Amino acid sequence: MIAGAARLGQLAGGAAITPENARFFAVPIPVVLHIVGASCYGILGAFQFAAGFRRRRPGWHRAAGRLLVVCGLVTALTGLWMAVYYPRPVGDGDLVEVFRLVFGTAMTVSLVLGFAAIRRREILRHRAWMIRAYAIGMGAGTQAFTHVPYFVLVGTPGEFARGLLMAAGWVINLAVAEWIIRRR
């Protein structure tokens, strides 16, 4: 969220346009929607997993859940759009793009399946799909933890290593999500 806030500050404050940020200045709406959607999804989504809060405030859970589905879809779909239409930053190769497309699509599908499950009153299936969607959505945060040790120990990753480090963030989150789902 800090990186997203910094990016919004650059866009709003008219920061110098560089090769690294030119794509955001050329077409800012997708990145702004992505940052706002992901921030809302990350913060509000965390409260959805507090069982006591859900039981005491079921109306809030439903209302926030509807907003979260919209925020999650905005996040996933803008992420997919940026992966396809923004010029690739230096260091992002085909593997990074493939992983972004795979996990963005998986997040979208998880949200849709989770929403469809709750409409059918399939609570356990709804919970499982929403946990998966949230895990994917929070992948960028985990990617910071997969990248930092690599930077410290090895240096700047090449395209292949960067792709694996990015995928590791999503895979770690999904592994934890599946563990949570199956331990119940």
Protein backbone atom coordinates (compact mmCIF):
# COMPACT_ATOMS: atom_id res chain seq x y z
CA MET A 1 0.00 0.00 0.00
CA ILE A 2 2.93 2.30 0.68
CA ALA A 3 4.24 1.76 -2.85
CA GLY A 4 0.74 2.36 -4.22
CA ALA A 5 0.39 5.58 -2.24
CA ALA A 6 3.78 6.71 -3.54
CA ARG A 7 2.67 5.96 -7.11
CA LEU A 8 -0.57 7.93 -6.62
CA GLY A 9 1.49 10.79 -5.18
CA GLN A 10 3.67 10.78 -8.29
CA LEU A 11 0.65 10.87 -10.56
CA ALA A 12 -1.16 13.56 -8.58
CA GLY A 13 1.93 15.67 -7.91
CA GLY A 14 3.20 15.72 -11.46
CA ALA A 15 6.47 13.92 -10.77
CA ALA A 16 9.09 13.81 -13.48
CA ILE A 17 8.26 11.32 -16.19
CA THR A 18 10.90 8.63 -16.45
CA PRO A 19 11.15 5.44 -18.51
CA GLU A 20 10.04 3.51 -15.38
CA ASN A 21 6.82 5.49 -14.83
CA ALA A 22 5.95 6.80 -18.32
CA ARG A 23 3.33 4.08 -18.89
CA PHE A 24 1.40 5.22 -15.80
CA PHE A 25 1.38 8.86 -16.90
CA ALA A 26 0.33 7.91 -20.43
CA VAL A 27 -2.73 5.96 -19.20
CA PRO A 28 -3.21 6.57 -15.45
CA ILE A 29 -6.76 5.29 -14.89
CA PRO A 30 -5.94 1.55 -14.74
CA VAL A 31 -3.13 1.97 -12.21
CA VAL A 32 -5.18 4.37 -10.08
CA LEU A 33 -8.15 1.96 -10.04
CA HIS A 34 -5.78 -0.93 -9.32
CA ILE A 35 -4.17 0.82 -6.34
CA VAL A 36 -7.44 2.06 -4.85
CA GLY A 37 -9.16 -1.29 -5.42
CA ALA A 38 -6.26 -3.30 -3.97
CA SER A 39 -5.97 -1.03 -0.93
CA CYS A 40 -9.66 -1.32 -0.13
CA TYR A 41 -9.57 -5.06 -0.81
CA GLY A 42 -6.56 -5.59 1.44
CA ILE A 43 -7.80 -3.60 4.43
CA LEU A 44 -11.51 -4.36 4.35
CA GLY A 45 -10.92 -7.96 3.32
CA ALA A 46 -8.90 -8.72 6.43
CA PHE A 47 -11.97 -8.02 8.60
CA GLN A 48 -13.99 -10.61 6.65
CA PHE A 49 -11.88 -13.37 8.20
CA ALA A 50 -12.54 -12.38 11.83
CA ALA A 51 -15.12 -15.00 12.83
CA GLY A 52 -16.35 -13.16 15.91
CA PHE A 53 -16.81 -9.95 13.96
CA ARG A 54 -18.73 -11.84 11.24
CA ARG A 55 -21.05 -13.44 13.79
CA ARG A 56 -21.75 -10.17 15.66
CA ARG A 57 -22.20 -8.10 12.51
CA PRO A 58 -23.57 -10.32 9.71
CA GLY A 59 -25.10 -7.33 7.90
CA TRP A 60 -21.72 -5.61 7.81
CA HIS A 61 -20.10 -8.81 6.51
CA ARG A 62 -22.61 -9.01 3.64
CA ALA A 63 -22.37 -5.32 2.73
CA ALA A 64 -18.58 -5.27 2.96
CA GLY A 65 -18.44 -8.53 1.01
CA ARG A 66 -20.35 -7.01 -1.89
CA LEU A 67 -17.99 -4.04 -1.94
CA LEU A 68 -15.02 -6.40 -1.71
CA VAL A 69 -16.15 -8.43 -4.71
CA VAL A 70 -16.27 -5.21 -6.73
CA CYS A 71 -12.87 -4.04 -5.39
CA GLY A 72 -11.36 -7.47 -6.02
CA LEU A 73 -12.66 -7.62 -9.56
CA VAL A 74 -11.42 -4.09 -10.25
CA THR A 75 -8.01 -5.09 -8.87
CA ALA A 76 -7.80 -8.32 -10.85
CA LEU A 77 -9.14 -6.92 -14.11
CA THR A 78 -6.97 -3.79 -14.06
CA GLY A 79 -3.99 -6.00 -13.23
CA LEU A 80 -4.78 -8.11 -16.28
CA TRP A 81 -5.25 -5.00 -18.41
CA MET A 82 -1.92 -3.55 -17.29
CA ALA A 83 -0.13 -6.86 -17.93
CA VAL A 84 -1.43 -6.92 -21.51
CA TYR A 85 -1.46 -3.25 -22.53
CA TYR A 86 1.20 -1.40 -20.57
CA PRO A 87 4.73 -1.63 -21.95
CA ARG A 88 6.78 -4.07 -19.89
CA PRO A 89 9.14 -2.57 -17.36
CA VAL A 90 12.81 -3.47 -17.59
CA GLY A 91 13.38 -6.88 -16.00
CA ASP A 92 9.88 -8.21 -16.66
CA GLY A 93 9.97 -10.94 -19.29
CA ASP A 94 7.47 -13.36 -20.73
CA LEU A 95 7.43 -15.47 -17.56
CA VAL A 96 6.35 -12.52 -15.37
CA GLU A 97 3.61 -11.67 -17.84
CA VAL A 98 2.38 -15.27 -17.97
CA PHE A 99 2.27 -15.46 -14.16
CA ARG A 100 0.42 -12.13 -13.96
CA LEU A 101 -2.15 -13.39 -16.46
CA VAL A 102 -2.53 -16.76 -14.71
CA PHE A 103 -2.93 -15.36 -11.21
CA GLY A 104 -5.06 -12.38 -12.30
CA THR A 105 -7.40 -14.79 -14.05
CA ALA A 106 -7.37 -17.13 -11.03
CA MET A 107 -8.31 -14.24 -8.73
CA THR A 108 -11.17 -13.23 -11.04
CA VAL A 109 -12.45 -16.81 -11.26
CA SER A 110 -12.15 -17.28 -7.48
CA LEU A 111 -14.18 -14.14 -6.80
CA VAL A 112 -16.89 -15.14 -9.27
CA LEU A 113 -17.08 -18.70 -7.90
CA GLY A 114 -17.13 -17.40 -4.31
CA PHE A 115 -19.94 -14.97 -5.11
CA ALA A 116 -21.90 -17.66 -6.98
CA ALA A 117 -21.47 -20.05 -4.03
CA ILE A 118 -22.89 -17.61 -1.48
CA ARG A 119 -25.83 -16.88 -3.77
CA ARG A 120 -26.56 -20.64 -3.59
CA ARG A 121 -26.02 -20.52 0.21
CA GLU A 122 -22.97 -22.81 -0.01
CA ILE A 123 -21.09 -21.23 2.88
CA LEU A 124 -18.07 -23.54 2.97
CA ARG A 125 -17.51 -23.32 -0.78
CA HIS A 126 -17.95 -19.51 -0.60
CA ARG A 127 -15.42 -19.28 2.21
CA ALA A 128 -12.88 -21.43 0.34
CA TRP A 129 -13.08 -19.43 -2.88
CA MET A 130 -12.92 -16.11 -1.07
CA ILE A 131 -9.87 -17.22 0.93
CA ARG A 132 -8.17 -18.17 -2.34
CA ALA A 133 -9.11 -14.85 -3.97
CA TYR A 134 -7.79 -12.90 -1.00
CA ALA A 135 -4.55 -14.93 -0.97
CA ILE A 136 -3.93 -14.11 -4.62
CA GLY A 137 -4.86 -10.46 -4.10
CA MET A 138 -2.34 -10.15 -1.30
CA GLY A 139 0.41 -11.74 -3.42
CA ALA A 140 2.17 -8.42 -4.04
CA GLY A 141 2.83 -8.06 -0.32
CA THR A 142 4.37 -11.52 -0.14
CA GLN A 143 6.42 -10.79 -3.25
CA ALA A 144 8.26 -8.15 -1.25
CA PHE A 145 9.37 -10.94 1.09
CA THR A 146 10.43 -13.18 -1.78
CA HIS A 147 12.41 -10.41 -3.49
CA VAL A 148 14.25 -8.84 -0.54
CA PRO A 149 16.38 -11.88 0.39
CA TYR A 150 17.28 -12.34 -3.28
CA PHE A 151 18.35 -8.68 -3.58
CA VAL A 152 20.43 -8.94 -0.41
CA LEU A 153 22.08 -12.27 -1.21
CA VAL A 154 22.33 -12.26 -5.00
CA GLY A 155 21.52 -8.79 -6.38
CA THR A 156 19.03 -7.72 -9.00
CA PRO A 157 17.19 -10.74 -10.43
CA GLY A 158 17.18 -11.45 -14.14
CA GLU A 159 13.94 -11.99 -16.03
CA PHE A 160 13.67 -15.71 -15.19
CA ALA A 161 14.52 -15.27 -11.49
CA ARG A 162 12.10 -12.33 -11.25
CA GLY A 163 9.34 -14.48 -12.71
CA LEU A 164 10.00 -17.21 -10.16
CA LEU A 165 10.17 -14.72 -7.29
CA MET A 166 6.86 -13.19 -8.35
CA ALA A 167 5.21 -16.61 -8.67
CA ALA A 168 6.62 -17.61 -5.27
CA GLY A 169 4.62 -14.81 -3.60
CA TRP A 170 1.36 -16.05 -5.06
CA VAL A 171 2.17 -19.73 -4.51
CA ILE A 172 3.14 -19.18 -0.86
CA ASN A 173 -0.13 -17.35 -0.24
CA LEU A 174 -2.17 -20.02 -2.00
CA ALA A 175 -0.40 -22.79 -0.07
CA VAL A 176 -1.29 -21.09 3.21
CA ALA A 177 -4.85 -20.53 1.95
CA GLU A 178 -5.26 -24.20 1.05
CA TRP A 179 -3.87 -25.20 4.45
CA ILE A 180 -6.43 -22.92 6.16
CA ILE A 181 -9.27 -24.26 3.98
CA ARG A 182 -8.41 -27.91 4.53
CA ARG A 183 -7.65 -27.70 8.25
CA ARG A 184 -11.33 -26.99 8.88
